[in-house]
Each structure stands twice: as C-alpha cells, then as structure tokens.
C-alpha atoms as a PDB file:
ATOM      1  CA  MET A   1      96.837  17.997 146.429  1.00  0.00           C
ATOM      2  CA  LYS A   2      94.387  20.522 144.734  1.00  0.00           C
ATOM      3  CA  LYS A   3      91.103  21.874 146.625  1.00  0.00           C
ATOM      4  CA  ALA A   4      88.183  22.404 144.682  1.00  0.00           C
ATOM      5  CA  LEU A   5      84.866  23.563 145.717  1.00  0.00           C
ATOM      6  CA  ILE A   6      81.255  22.390 144.365  1.00  0.00           C
ATOM      7  CA  THR A   7      78.610  24.280 144.920  1.00  0.00           C
ATOM      8  CA  GLY A   8      75.670  22.357 144.025  1.00  0.00           C
ATOM      9  CA  ILE A   9      77.133  19.167 144.482  1.00  0.00           C
ATOM     10  CA  THR A  10      74.385  16.806 145.547  1.00  0.00           C
ATOM     11  CA  GLY A  11      72.971  17.612 141.949  1.00  0.00           C
ATOM     12  CA  GLN A  12      73.344  15.739 138.542  1.00  0.00           C
ATOM     13  CA  ASP A  13      76.878  17.656 137.388  1.00  0.00           C
ATOM     14  CA  GLY A  14      77.907  17.798 140.638  1.00  0.00           C
ATOM     15  CA  SER A  15      77.793  14.103 141.556  1.00  0.00           C
ATOM     16  CA  TYR A  16      79.770  13.532 138.194  1.00  0.00           C
ATOM     17  CA  LEU A  17      81.781  16.639 138.558  1.00  0.00           C
ATOM     18  CA  CYS A  18      83.179  15.113 142.408  1.00  0.00           C
ATOM     19  CA  GLU A  19      83.741  11.783 141.121  1.00  0.00           C
ATOM     20  CA  LEU A  20      85.970  13.195 138.140  1.00  0.00           C
ATOM     21  CA  LEU A  21      87.807  15.577 140.645  1.00  0.00           C
ATOM     22  CA  LEU A  22      88.801  12.556 143.311  1.00  0.00           C
ATOM     23  CA  ASP A  23      89.575  10.516 140.012  1.00  0.00           C
ATOM     24  CA  LYS A  24      92.387  13.069 139.763  1.00  0.00           C
ATOM     25  CA  GLY A  25      93.407  13.237 143.343  1.00  0.00           C
ATOM     26  CA  TYR A  26      91.509  16.159 144.525  1.00  0.00           C
ATOM     27  CA  GLU A  27      90.194  17.266 147.707  1.00  0.00           C
ATOM     28  CA  VAL A  28      87.122  17.810 147.048  1.00  0.00           C
ATOM     29  CA  HIS A  29      84.763  20.491 149.161  1.00  0.00           C
ATOM     30  CA  GLY A  30      81.260  20.568 148.514  1.00  0.00           C
ATOM     31  CA  ILE A  31      78.314  22.514 149.778  1.00  0.00           C
ATOM     32  CA  VAL A  32      74.935  21.754 150.614  1.00  0.00           C
ATOM     33  CA  ARG A  33      71.453  22.940 151.653  1.00  0.00           C
ATOM     34  CA  ARG A  34      70.174  22.119 154.981  1.00  0.00           C
ATOM     35  CA  SER A  35      67.009  20.133 154.463  1.00  0.00           C
ATOM     36  CA  SER A  36      64.620  18.022 156.514  1.00  0.00           C
ATOM     37  CA  SER A  37      64.532  15.085 153.498  1.00  0.00           C
ATOM     38  CA  PHE A  38      67.361  13.268 152.633  1.00  0.00           C
ATOM     39  CA  ASN A  39      69.225  15.102 149.297  1.00  0.00           C
ATOM     40  CA  ARG A  40      72.726  13.428 149.107  1.00  0.00           C
ATOM     41  CA  SER A  41      71.282  10.496 147.102  1.00  0.00           C
ATOM     42  CA  ARG A  42      73.871  10.972 143.806  1.00  0.00           C
ATOM     43  CA  ILE A  43      76.776  11.307 146.088  1.00  0.00           C
ATOM     44  CA  GLU A  44      75.749   8.457 148.992  1.00  0.00           C
ATOM     45  CA  HIS A  45      78.274   5.926 147.314  1.00  0.00           C
ATOM     46  CA  LEU A  46      80.670   8.655 147.670  1.00  0.00           C
ATOM     47  CA  ILE A  47      79.624   9.176 151.598  1.00  0.00           C
ATOM     48  CA  GLN A  48      79.881   5.824 151.926  1.00  0.00           C
ATOM     49  CA  ASP A  49      83.211   5.384 151.012  1.00  0.00           C
ATOM     50  CA  ARG A  50      85.112   5.587 154.176  1.00  0.00           C
ATOM     51  CA  GLU A  51      88.380   5.739 152.299  1.00  0.00           C
ATOM     52  CA  THR A  52      87.117   9.152 150.698  1.00  0.00           C
ATOM     53  CA  TYR A  53      84.784  10.670 153.159  1.00  0.00           C
ATOM     54  CA  GLY A  54      86.770  12.763 155.406  1.00  0.00           C
ATOM     55  CA  SER A  55      89.830  12.364 154.235  1.00  0.00           C
ATOM     56  CA  ARG A  56      89.141  13.818 150.758  1.00  0.00           C
ATOM     57  CA  LEU A  57      85.558  14.741 150.552  1.00  0.00           C
ATOM     58  CA  PHE A  58      84.575  17.129 152.636  1.00  0.00           C
ATOM     59  CA  LEU A  59      80.608  18.570 152.699  1.00  0.00           C
ATOM     60  CA  HIS A  60      79.759  21.840 154.308  1.00  0.00           C
ATOM     61  CA  TYR A  61      76.411  23.191 154.945  1.00  0.00           C
ATOM     62  CA  GLY A  62      75.698  26.831 152.985  1.00  0.00           C
ATOM     63  CA  ASP A  63      73.269  28.093 150.790  1.00  0.00           C
ATOM     64  CA  MET A  64      73.528  30.738 147.640  1.00  0.00           C
ATOM     65  CA  THR A  65      71.697  33.332 149.375  1.00  0.00           C
ATOM     66  CA  ASP A  66      73.515  33.721 152.560  1.00  0.00           C
ATOM     67  CA  SER A  67      76.973  35.581 152.446  1.00  0.00           C
ATOM     68  CA  SER A  68      78.348  34.601 155.833  1.00  0.00           C
ATOM     69  CA  ALA A  69      78.193  31.351 154.942  1.00  0.00           C
ATOM     70  CA  LEU A  70      80.035  31.280 151.612  1.00  0.00           C
ATOM     71  CA  ASN A  71      82.681  33.603 153.072  1.00  0.00           C
ATOM     72  CA  ARG A  72      83.058  31.456 156.480  1.00  0.00           C
ATOM     73  CA  ILE A  73      83.636  28.326 153.960  1.00  0.00           C
ATOM     74  CA  LEU A  74      85.771  29.630 151.816  1.00  0.00           C
ATOM     75  CA  GLU A  75      87.915  30.700 154.468  1.00  0.00           C
ATOM     76  CA  LYS A  76      87.903  27.392 155.955  1.00  0.00           C
ATOM     77  CA  CYS A  77      88.704  24.933 152.988  1.00  0.00           C
ATOM     78  CA  GLY A  78      91.072  27.401 150.715  1.00  0.00           C
ATOM     79  CA  PRO A  79      90.028  26.252 147.443  1.00  0.00           C
ATOM     80  CA  ASP A  80      92.349  26.420 144.441  1.00  0.00           C
ATOM     81  CA  GLU A  81      89.212  25.779 142.004  1.00  0.00           C
ATOM     82  CA  ILE A  82      85.697  26.880 142.841  1.00  0.00           C
ATOM     83  CA  TYR A  83      82.728  25.370 140.530  1.00  0.00           C
ATOM     84  CA  ASN A  84      79.844  26.918 140.982  1.00  0.00           C
ATOM     85  CA  LEU A  85      76.865  24.637 139.683  1.00  0.00           C
ATOM     86  CA  ALA A  86      74.483  25.691 142.321  1.00  0.00           C
ATOM     87  CA  ALA A  87      70.685  26.916 141.529  1.00  0.00           C
ATOM     88  CA  GLN A  88      67.298  26.703 140.782  1.00  0.00           C
ATOM     89  CA  SER A  89      67.733  25.126 137.912  1.00  0.00           C
ATOM     90  CA  HIS A  90      63.929  24.559 135.947  1.00  0.00           C
ATOM     91  CA  VAL A  91      63.487  27.242 133.909  1.00  0.00           C
ATOM     92  CA  ARG A  92      59.490  26.166 133.482  1.00  0.00           C
ATOM     93  CA  ILE A  93      59.104  26.789 137.291  1.00  0.00           C
ATOM     94  CA  SER A  94      60.978  30.059 137.503  1.00  0.00           C
ATOM     95  CA  PHE A  95      57.980  31.431 135.798  1.00  0.00           C
ATOM     96  CA  ASP A  96      56.640  30.700 138.960  1.00  0.00           C
ATOM     97  CA  MET A  97      59.600  31.660 141.478  1.00  0.00           C
ATOM     98  CA  PRO A  98      61.043  34.497 139.485  1.00  0.00           C
ATOM     99  CA  GLU A  99      62.236  36.318 142.486  1.00  0.00           C
ATOM    100  CA  TYR A 100      63.510  33.016 144.092  1.00  0.00           C
ATOM    101  CA  THR A 101      65.292  32.367 140.803  1.00  0.00           C
ATOM    102  CA  GLY A 102      66.798  35.535 140.616  1.00  0.00           C
ATOM    103  CA  ASP A 103      68.818  35.517 144.262  1.00  0.00           C
ATOM    104  CA  VAL A 104      69.818  31.971 143.447  1.00  0.00           C
ATOM    105  CA  ASP A 105      71.025  32.061 140.461  1.00  0.00           C
ATOM    106  CA  GLY A 106      72.130  35.843 139.732  1.00  0.00           C
ATOM    107  CA  LEU A 107      72.504  37.248 142.807  1.00  0.00           C
ATOM    108  CA  GLY A 108      74.006  34.263 144.511  1.00  0.00           C
ATOM    109  CA  VAL A 109      76.771  34.269 141.898  1.00  0.00           C
ATOM    110  CA  ALA A 110      77.602  37.771 142.847  1.00  0.00           C
ATOM    111  CA  ARG A 111      78.105  37.106 146.494  1.00  0.00           C
ATOM    112  CA  LEU A 112      80.423  34.151 145.612  1.00  0.00           C
ATOM    113  CA  LEU A 113      82.769  36.215 143.403  1.00  0.00           C
ATOM    114  CA  ASP A 114      82.797  38.957 146.095  1.00  0.00           C
ATOM    115  CA  ALA A 115      83.491  36.174 148.595  1.00  0.00           C
ATOM    116  CA  VAL A 116      86.018  35.038 146.518  1.00  0.00           C
ATOM    117  CA  ARG A 117      87.489  38.642 146.281  1.00  0.00           C
ATOM    118  CA  GLU A 118      87.083  39.319 149.810  1.00  0.00           C
ATOM    119  CA  VAL A 119      88.733  36.460 151.408  1.00  0.00           C
ATOM    120  CA  GLY A 120      91.935  37.185 149.412  1.00  0.00           C
ATOM    121  CA  LEU A 121      91.720  34.305 146.406  1.00  0.00           C
ATOM    122  CA  THR A 122      91.171  36.241 143.473  1.00  0.00           C
ATOM    123  CA  ARG A 123      94.460  35.572 142.237  1.00  0.00           C
ATOM    124  CA  GLU A 124      94.851  32.299 143.239  1.00  0.00           C
ATOM    125  CA  CYS A 125      91.833  31.095 143.117  1.00  0.00           C
ATOM    126  CA  ARG A 126      89.765  29.474 139.953  1.00  0.00           C
ATOM    127  CA  PHE A 127      86.425  30.082 139.295  1.00  0.00           C
ATOM    128  CA  TYR A 128      83.531  28.118 136.789  1.00  0.00           C
ATOM    129  CA  GLN A 129      80.327  29.077 136.326  1.00  0.00           C
ATOM    130  CA  ALA A 130      77.492  27.197 134.719  1.00  0.00           C
ATOM    131  CA  SER A 131      76.196  29.391 132.303  1.00  0.00           C
ATOM    132  CA  THR A 132      73.341  27.851 129.993  1.00  0.00           C
ATOM    133  CA  SER A 133      72.513  27.414 126.523  1.00  0.00           C
ATOM    134  CA  GLU A 134      68.951  29.477 127.814  1.00  0.00           C
ATOM    135  CA  LEU A 135      71.039  32.550 127.397  1.00  0.00           C
ATOM    136  CA  PHE A 136      70.405  32.767 123.504  1.00  0.00           C
ATOM    137  CA  GLY A 137      66.570  32.277 123.705  1.00  0.00           C
ATOM    138  CA  ALA A 138      65.297  33.322 120.437  1.00  0.00           C
ATOM    139  CA  THR A 139      68.884  33.662 118.913  1.00  0.00           C
ATOM    140  CA  PRO A 140      68.180  31.147 116.048  1.00  0.00           C
ATOM    141  CA  PRO A 141      71.057  28.419 116.071  1.00  0.00           C
ATOM    142  CA  PRO A 142      73.464  27.132 115.402  1.00  0.00           C
ATOM    143  CA  GLN A 143      74.798  29.380 118.541  1.00  0.00           C
ATOM    144  CA  ASN A 144      78.321  30.216 119.881  1.00  0.00           C
ATOM    145  CA  GLU A 145      80.495  32.241 122.077  1.00  0.00           C
ATOM    146  CA  THR A 146      79.672  35.267 120.114  1.00  0.00           C
ATOM    147  CA  SER A 147      75.663  35.101 119.304  1.00  0.00           C
ATOM    148  CA  PRO A 148      73.500  37.145 120.763  1.00  0.00           C
ATOM    149  CA  PHE A 149      71.722  36.450 124.284  1.00  0.00           C
ATOM    150  CA  HIS A 150      68.066  36.722 123.894  1.00  0.00           C
ATOM    151  CA  PRO A 151      67.325  35.146 127.104  1.00  0.00           C
ATOM    152  CA  ARG A 152      63.134  34.051 127.704  1.00  0.00           C
ATOM    153  CA  SER A 153      62.305  32.676 130.984  1.00  0.00           C
ATOM    154  CA  PRO A 154      63.483  34.377 134.884  1.00  0.00           C
ATOM    155  CA  TYR A 155      65.873  31.445 134.609  1.00  0.00           C
ATOM    156  CA  ALA A 156      67.819  32.374 131.813  1.00  0.00           C
ATOM    157  CA  ALA A 157      68.131  36.195 132.435  1.00  0.00           C
ATOM    158  CA  ALA A 158      69.253  35.619 136.159  1.00  0.00           C
ATOM    159  CA  LYS A 159      71.792  33.497 134.724  1.00  0.00           C
ATOM    160  CA  LEU A 160      72.830  36.156 132.175  1.00  0.00           C
ATOM    161  CA  PHE A 161      73.269  38.347 134.646  1.00  0.00           C
ATOM    162  CA  ALA A 162      75.548  36.255 136.312  1.00  0.00           C
ATOM    163  CA  HIS A 163      76.957  35.361 133.414  1.00  0.00           C
ATOM    164  CA  TRP A 164      78.341  39.107 133.000  1.00  0.00           C
ATOM    165  CA  MET A 165      79.172  39.293 136.550  1.00  0.00           C
ATOM    166  CA  VAL A 166      81.658  36.891 135.541  1.00  0.00           C
ATOM    167  CA  VAL A 167      83.115  38.794 132.706  1.00  0.00           C
ATOM    168  CA  ASN A 168      83.266  42.046 135.195  1.00  0.00           C
ATOM    169  CA  TYR A 169      85.148  39.941 137.950  1.00  0.00           C
ATOM    170  CA  ARG A 170      87.641  38.757 135.147  1.00  0.00           C
ATOM    171  CA  GLU A 171      88.132  41.993 133.636  1.00  0.00           C
ATOM    172  CA  GLY A 172      88.139  44.226 136.852  1.00  0.00           C
ATOM    173  CA  TYR A 173      90.009  41.990 139.258  1.00  0.00           C
ATOM    174  CA  GLY A 174      92.235  39.640 137.123  1.00  0.00           C
ATOM    175  CA  MET A 175      90.390  36.477 138.215  1.00  0.00           C
ATOM    176  CA  HIS A 176      91.170  33.501 136.713  1.00  0.00           C
ATOM    177  CA  ALA A 177      86.856  32.982 135.944  1.00  0.00           C
ATOM    178  CA  SER A 178      85.247  30.674 133.311  1.00  0.00           C
ATOM    179  CA  SER A 179      81.882  30.206 132.423  1.00  0.00           C
ATOM    180  CA  GLY A 180      80.470  27.154 130.535  1.00  0.00           C
ATOM    181  CA  ILE A 181      77.697  27.582 128.277  1.00  0.00           C
ATOM    182  CA  LEU A 182      76.267  24.078 128.540  1.00  0.00           C
ATOM    183  CA  PHE A 183      73.842  22.857 126.159  1.00  0.00           C
ATOM    184  CA  ASN A 184      71.112  20.789 127.580  1.00  0.00           C
ATOM    185  CA  HIS A 185      72.991  18.062 129.253  1.00  0.00           C
ATOM    186  CA  GLU A 186      70.987  14.412 130.789  1.00  0.00           C
ATOM    187  CA  SER A 187      71.843  11.450 132.248  1.00  0.00           C
ATOM    188  CA  PRO A 188      70.561   9.050 134.630  1.00  0.00           C
ATOM    189  CA  ARG A 189      70.606  10.917 137.726  1.00  0.00           C
ATOM    190  CA  ARG A 190      68.684  14.016 135.794  1.00  0.00           C
ATOM    191  CA  GLY A 191      66.085  15.454 138.101  1.00  0.00           C
ATOM    192  CA  GLU A 192      62.645  13.628 137.774  1.00  0.00           C
ATOM    193  CA  ASN A 193      60.582  16.767 137.017  1.00  0.00           C
ATOM    194  CA  PHE A 194      63.062  17.555 133.977  1.00  0.00           C
ATOM    195  CA  VAL A 195      61.616  16.199 130.415  1.00  0.00           C
ATOM    196  CA  THR A 196      64.222  13.860 129.504  1.00  0.00           C
ATOM    197  CA  ARG A 197      64.246  11.742 133.112  1.00  0.00           C
ATOM    198  CA  LYS A 198      60.248  12.220 133.201  1.00  0.00           C
ATOM    199  CA  ILE A 199      59.979  10.603 129.659  1.00  0.00           C
ATOM    200  CA  ALA A 200      62.402   7.427 130.644  1.00  0.00           C
ATOM    201  CA  VAL A 201      60.708   7.128 134.127  1.00  0.00           C
ATOM    202  CA  ALA A 202      57.186   7.153 132.236  1.00  0.00           C
ATOM    203  CA  VAL A 203      58.677   4.514 129.592  1.00  0.00           C
ATOM    204  CA  ALA A 204      59.952   2.038 132.194  1.00  0.00           C
ATOM    205  CA  ARG A 205      56.845   2.143 134.190  1.00  0.00           C
ATOM    206  CA  ILE A 206      54.384   1.921 131.407  1.00  0.00           C
ATOM    207  CA  ALA A 207      56.416  -1.146 129.650  1.00  0.00           C
ATOM    208  CA  CYS A 208      55.478  -2.760 133.226  1.00  0.00           C
ATOM    209  CA  GLY A 209      52.409  -1.931 134.196  1.00  0.00           C
ATOM    210  CA  LEU A 210      52.607   0.665 136.245  1.00  0.00           C
ATOM    211  CA  GLN A 211      51.808   4.092 134.986  1.00  0.00           C
ATOM    212  CA  LYS A 212      49.279   4.017 131.850  1.00  0.00           C
ATOM    213  CA  ARG A 213      49.593   7.442 130.425  1.00  0.00           C
ATOM    214  CA  LEU A 214      52.594  10.198 130.340  1.00  0.00           C
ATOM    215  CA  VAL A 215      51.729  14.364 129.960  1.00  0.00           C
ATOM    216  CA  LEU A 216      54.204  16.397 128.456  1.00  0.00           C
ATOM    217  CA  GLY A 217      54.593  20.009 127.051  1.00  0.00           C
ATOM    218  CA  ASN A 218      55.671  21.691 123.978  1.00  0.00           C
ATOM    219  CA  LEU A 219      56.919  18.091 121.953  1.00  0.00           C
ATOM    220  CA  ASP A 220      58.386  20.220 118.821  1.00  0.00           C
ATOM    221  CA  ALA A 221      60.580  21.969 121.435  1.00  0.00           C
ATOM    222  CA  GLY A 222      64.534  21.137 119.753  1.00  0.00           C
ATOM    223  CA  ARG A 223      67.579  21.004 122.041  1.00  0.00           C
ATOM    224  CA  ASP A 224      71.032  19.769 121.435  1.00  0.00           C
ATOM    225  CA  TRP A 225      71.180  16.778 124.145  1.00  0.00           C
ATOM    226  CA  GLY A 226      74.523  15.388 125.544  1.00  0.00           C
ATOM    227  CA  HIS A 227      75.691  13.369 128.746  1.00  0.00           C
ATOM    228  CA  ALA A 228      76.530  15.262 131.975  1.00  0.00           C
ATOM    229  CA  LYS A 229      79.766  12.726 132.275  1.00  0.00           C
ATOM    230  CA  ASP A 230      81.201  14.441 129.342  1.00  0.00           C
ATOM    231  CA  TYR A 231      80.475  17.979 130.125  1.00  0.00           C
ATOM    232  CA  VAL A 232      81.261  18.307 133.184  1.00  0.00           C
ATOM    233  CA  GLU A 233      84.815  17.132 131.793  1.00  0.00           C
ATOM    234  CA  ALA A 234      84.737  20.522 130.004  1.00  0.00           C
ATOM    235  CA  MET A 235      83.842  22.550 133.570  1.00  0.00           C
ATOM    236  CA  TYR A 236      87.230  20.675 134.298  1.00  0.00           C
ATOM    237  CA  LEU A 237      89.550  21.353 131.380  1.00  0.00           C
ATOM    238  CA  MET A 238      88.222  24.843 131.577  1.00  0.00           C
ATOM    239  CA  LEU A 239      90.080  25.849 134.453  1.00  0.00           C
ATOM    240  CA  GLN A 240      93.387  23.994 133.471  1.00  0.00           C
ATOM    241  CA  GLN A 241      93.775  26.698 130.767  1.00  0.00           C
ATOM    242  CA  PRO A 242      96.584  29.575 130.984  1.00  0.00           C
ATOM    243  CA  ALA A 243      93.577  32.245 131.792  1.00  0.00           C
ATOM    244  CA  GLY A 244      89.592  32.323 131.882  1.00  0.00           C
ATOM    245  CA  ASP A 245      87.738  32.533 129.131  1.00  0.00           C
ATOM    246  CA  ASP A 246      83.701  31.454 128.301  1.00  0.00           C
ATOM    247  CA  PHE A 247      82.999  28.538 126.395  1.00  0.00           C
ATOM    248  CA  VAL A 248      79.937  27.068 124.419  1.00  0.00           C
ATOM    249  CA  ILE A 249      79.613  23.359 125.400  1.00  0.00           C
ATOM    250  CA  ALA A 250      77.289  21.599 122.711  1.00  0.00           C
ATOM    251  CA  THR A 251      77.101  18.539 120.475  1.00  0.00           C
ATOM    252  CA  GLY A 252      75.764  19.924 117.284  1.00  0.00           C
ATOM    253  CA  SER A 253      72.847  17.943 116.983  1.00  0.00           C
ATOM    254  CA  MET A 254      69.669  18.806 117.726  1.00  0.00           C
ATOM    255  CA  HIS A 255      66.499  16.488 118.300  1.00  0.00           C
ATOM    256  CA  THR A 256      62.988  17.458 119.588  1.00  0.00           C
ATOM    257  CA  VAL A 257      61.421  16.484 122.244  1.00  0.00           C
ATOM    258  CA  ARG A 258      59.013  14.184 120.367  1.00  0.00           C
ATOM    259  CA  GLU A 259      62.152  12.315 118.732  1.00  0.00           C
ATOM    260  CA  PHE A 260      63.519  12.245 122.644  1.00  0.00           C
ATOM    261  CA  ALA A 261      59.688   9.734 123.471  1.00  0.00           C
ATOM    262  CA  ASP A 262      59.743   8.062 120.083  1.00  0.00           C
ATOM    263  CA  LEU A 263      63.082   6.901 120.577  1.00  0.00           C
ATOM    264  CA  ALA A 264      62.951   6.223 124.265  1.00  0.00           C
ATOM    265  CA  PHE A 265      59.765   4.308 123.742  1.00  0.00           C
ATOM    266  CA  GLY A 266      60.902   2.401 120.598  1.00  0.00           C
ATOM    267  CA  PHE A 267      63.925   0.778 123.343  1.00  0.00           C
ATOM    268  CA  ALA A 268      60.639  -0.508 125.362  1.00  0.00           C
ATOM    269  CA  GLY A 269      59.191  -1.779 122.285  1.00  0.00           C
ATOM    270  CA  LEU A 270      56.547   0.785 122.506  1.00  0.00           C
ATOM    271  CA  ASP A 271      55.077   3.271 120.412  1.00  0.00           C
ATOM    272  CA  TYR A 272      54.985   6.819 121.898  1.00  0.00           C
ATOM    273  CA  ARG A 273      51.673   7.961 120.296  1.00  0.00           C
ATOM    274  CA  ASP A 274      49.776   5.136 121.791  1.00  0.00           C
ATOM    275  CA  TYR A 275      51.021   7.047 125.625  1.00  0.00           C
ATOM    276  CA  VAL A 276      51.664  10.562 125.342  1.00  0.00           C
ATOM    277  CA  ASP A 277      48.894  13.303 126.008  1.00  0.00           C
ATOM    278  CA  THR A 278      49.860  16.893 125.816  1.00  0.00           C
ATOM    279  CA  ASP A 279      48.719  19.935 127.982  1.00  0.00           C
ATOM    280  CA  PRO A 280      48.906  23.444 127.932  1.00  0.00           C
ATOM    281  CA  SER A 281      49.769  24.048 130.893  1.00  0.00           C
ATOM    282  CA  TYR A 282      52.942  22.589 130.879  1.00  0.00           C
ATOM    283  CA  LEU A 283      53.684  25.270 127.957  1.00  0.00           C
ATOM    284  CA  ARG A 284      56.048  28.100 129.033  1.00  0.00           C
ATOM    285  CA  PRO A 285      54.619  31.661 128.917  1.00  0.00           C
ATOM    286  CA  THR A 286      57.681  32.453 126.250  1.00  0.00           C
ATOM    287  CA  GLU A 287      59.296  29.318 124.405  1.00  0.00           C
ATOM    288  CA  VAL A 288      62.622  28.661 123.110  1.00  0.00           C
ATOM    289  CA  ASP A 289      61.968  26.630 120.246  1.00  0.00           C
ATOM    290  CA  ALA A 290      65.161  25.720 119.409  1.00  0.00           C
ATOM    291  CA  LEU A 291      69.044  25.188 120.684  1.00  0.00           C
ATOM    292  CA  ARG A 292      71.727  23.694 118.876  1.00  0.00           C
ATOM    293  CA  GLY A 293      75.553  24.673 120.207  1.00  0.00           C
ATOM    294  CA  ASP A 294      78.551  25.426 117.917  1.00  0.00           C
ATOM    295  CA  ALA A 295      81.172  24.197 120.459  1.00  0.00           C
ATOM    296  CA  SER A 296      84.265  24.593 117.640  1.00  0.00           C
ATOM    297  CA  LYS A 297      86.470  26.846 120.337  1.00  0.00           C
ATOM    298  CA  ALA A 298      85.593  24.101 122.827  1.00  0.00           C
ATOM    299  CA  HIS A 299      87.462  21.737 120.639  1.00  0.00           C
ATOM    300  CA  ARG A 300      90.139  23.768 119.196  1.00  0.00           C
ATOM    301  CA  LEU A 301      91.162  25.077 122.257  1.00  0.00           C
ATOM    302  CA  LEU A 302      90.511  22.288 125.248  1.00  0.00           C
ATOM    303  CA  GLY A 303      90.381  19.663 122.960  1.00  0.00           C
ATOM    304  CA  TRP A 304      86.798  18.562 124.254  1.00  0.00           C
ATOM    305  CA  ARG A 305      84.393  16.556 122.263  1.00  0.00           C
ATOM    306  CA  PRO A 306      81.388  14.637 123.254  1.00  0.00           C
ATOM    307  CA  ARG A 307      81.963  11.134 123.437  1.00  0.00           C
ATOM    308  CA  ILE A 308      78.299   9.799 124.619  1.00  0.00           C
ATOM    309  CA  THR A 309      75.827   9.741 122.027  1.00  0.00           C
ATOM    310  CA  PHE A 310      72.382  10.949 121.767  1.00  0.00           C
ATOM    311  CA  GLU A 311      71.392   7.129 121.059  1.00  0.00           C
ATOM    312  CA  ASP A 312      73.342   5.875 123.951  1.00  0.00           C
ATOM    313  CA  LEU A 313      71.948   8.446 126.506  1.00  0.00           C
ATOM    314  CA  VAL A 314      68.275   7.821 125.761  1.00  0.00           C
ATOM    315  CA  ARG A 315      68.936   3.831 125.860  1.00  0.00           C
ATOM    316  CA  GLU A 316      71.160   4.545 129.262  1.00  0.00           C
ATOM    317  CA  MET A 317      68.278   6.002 131.103  1.00  0.00           C
ATOM    318  CA  VAL A 318      65.604   3.777 129.842  1.00  0.00           C
ATOM    319  CA  ASP A 319      67.414   0.777 131.065  1.00  0.00           C
ATOM    320  CA  HIS A 320      68.336   2.733 134.650  1.00  0.00           C
ATOM    321  CA  GLU A 321      64.386   3.199 134.763  1.00  0.00           C
ATOM    322  CA  MET A 322      63.843  -0.147 133.767  1.00  0.00           C
ATOM    323  CA  ASP A 323      65.532  -2.077 136.144  1.00  0.00           C
ATOM    324  CA  ILE A 324      63.858   0.490 138.874  1.00  0.00           C
ATOM    325  CA  ALA A 325      60.457  -0.224 137.863  1.00  0.00           C
ATOM    326  CA  ARG A 326      61.125  -3.896 137.584  1.00  0.00           C
ATOM    327  CA  ARG A 327      62.361  -4.171 140.913  1.00  0.00           C
ATOM    328  CA  GLU A 328      59.395  -2.180 141.919  1.00  0.00           C
ATOM    329  CA  LYS A 329      56.911  -4.419 140.071  1.00  0.00           C
ATOM    330  CA  ALA A 330      58.749  -7.748 141.928  1.00  0.00           C
ATOM    331  CA  ARG A 331      57.610  -5.873 145.311  1.00  0.00           C
ATOM    332  CA  SER A 332      53.957  -5.923 143.976  1.00  0.00           C
END
C-alpha cells in the first residue's frame, strides 16, 4: 500500500486529492493547522467513515512555518509521495499580508523540501508542488512551460521562489520533484472569498430573496477556469512519471469574470447587470489581465485532458448554492 502525505488536505484541492488517492488504495496522511474554529468540513465525510479514518486516513497537526513539525511528520509516516498544497492562496490578500504569504508559500516549501532531505527520503519519495498560473502575471497568453514568468503579486512572487526551489532540489539532489503550474480551478468546495464561489453564493441568495446585491472588482479580468476534480488527477499523474518535471495544467479556454457572472446569474433566470456593483477597493494594486494555458505537454506526456466544461462547472457551483439557499429560506 503506497503512502501519500498531503499538506493542505482540508482545502478544496486537498479534499478532492484525498478522495482520489483513497479510491486508488493509498494510505493517506494529511497535515492540518491547529485552529480554534472548525476547519475540516471538506473532509468531514471521510473522517466520519470509520472504515477509512484511522486505518487508511490519518491527520497530523503541523504548519508550513514549523520545521520541527514537518520533520517529525515525515519521520512518522515515511510517505512514498508528498503533495504540497498548503498555502496562503488568496492573491488579493497577499498584498495585505506579504510577509506571511512569503513565509508560508515560499519559505514553507523550502522547509518541506529540506525536511525530505534531512530524514533521508530524497531518493524514495516523490514530491509535488502546487505552482500557479499567477507566475506568468503580465506575460501575454497563451502561457506554457517555456513562457517567461512575470509575477504581479506577493502571492505569485512567493510561489516563484517555491517553484525554483523545487527545480533546485530536483537538479541538486536528484529528487523526483514536479511542479504543477495549475491555472484557475474551481468547484463547490472553493473558499467563499474567491470570486467564483462569491458569485455562485450571491446568485443563489439573490434568487431566494436572501441577498440584494453583489459587489465585485475587475469584471474584465480573463481566466482559464477548470474543475478542481480534473486538476487533482493531473497532480497524481505527474508523480507516476519516470522523472520529475513541470507541467502547465489548463483547459485552453479563457473567460472573463463578467462572463462567469453572466452565465451564473443566467442559470437562475437573472440578469447580472441588475444585481452586480463594482468597487475599486476590490482591485489589486497590480492586475493580471489575461491567463490562458497551453497544456499540450500534459496532454502528450501525462495523457491528461479536462473532462468538465466551463458551463458544467458554473452550473454545478450554482446548483450547490441553490440547495443551501433554499434550505436557509425554508428555515426563516
């Protein structure tokens, strides 16, 4: 039975990846941050499965800022594969918290990579790093593995440091280390402060009479949106290759925030123009205007292609929120 360690297991990607690996027969270990509030809702259904939790799923307290905890967890579970998904992942918030973002998203990866080396897993353990399309920033689309990086946020700058640390450990220590340069990927499990989930929640609440308006920032920002469930499969495939490498994972199609809102409100029979306001305070100091990925390398070497369309993604997110809003409406 293979062992996998997932940092960020309680996040959107971590929860889908955990399900995927358990389905493939893995023993899965996850790192969770200590919090005074409940933060495991995305994997609660797995924790409640008594045939899995405690036998093939194990959780460990730790943090990307704590080297001793990372070393201790690696020594305890001895993983065959590590998927590093932990991050301060909100781009706009990274402008308000640049030091923390750099510590977790940049130095945290260096700590984890060096922990692998220190506990003697360099040759045995395969490592996946969650890189990001934000690395490209101002570079015009389409972006692929050879496109120049031009980060436009503290988040992207921290991720760029992490990306090159993975390359250095791959080349310097012979680690099977890969970076997935993932373009935007969403799902009903997306955090509520991300624009796609924010839109889906607002559509449902407005349709049910629980909310009147939605305030957004840049409606014309273009993004390549896929489904997180498709993208975690690409993560898994990277670590099954003969050697580590870097891969762009994307759908190849770009849509604006305006298009996302138009489609989402349309599924509820509403016109977004009647409900959406814009506020300059929601804008980033430096904007990324257009991200559209070229995943030809992943198609060719991994055999990976996205299965869930943009329209189906938006509909799934809206339907999920409509169910929640209807139940809230019925209780009021």
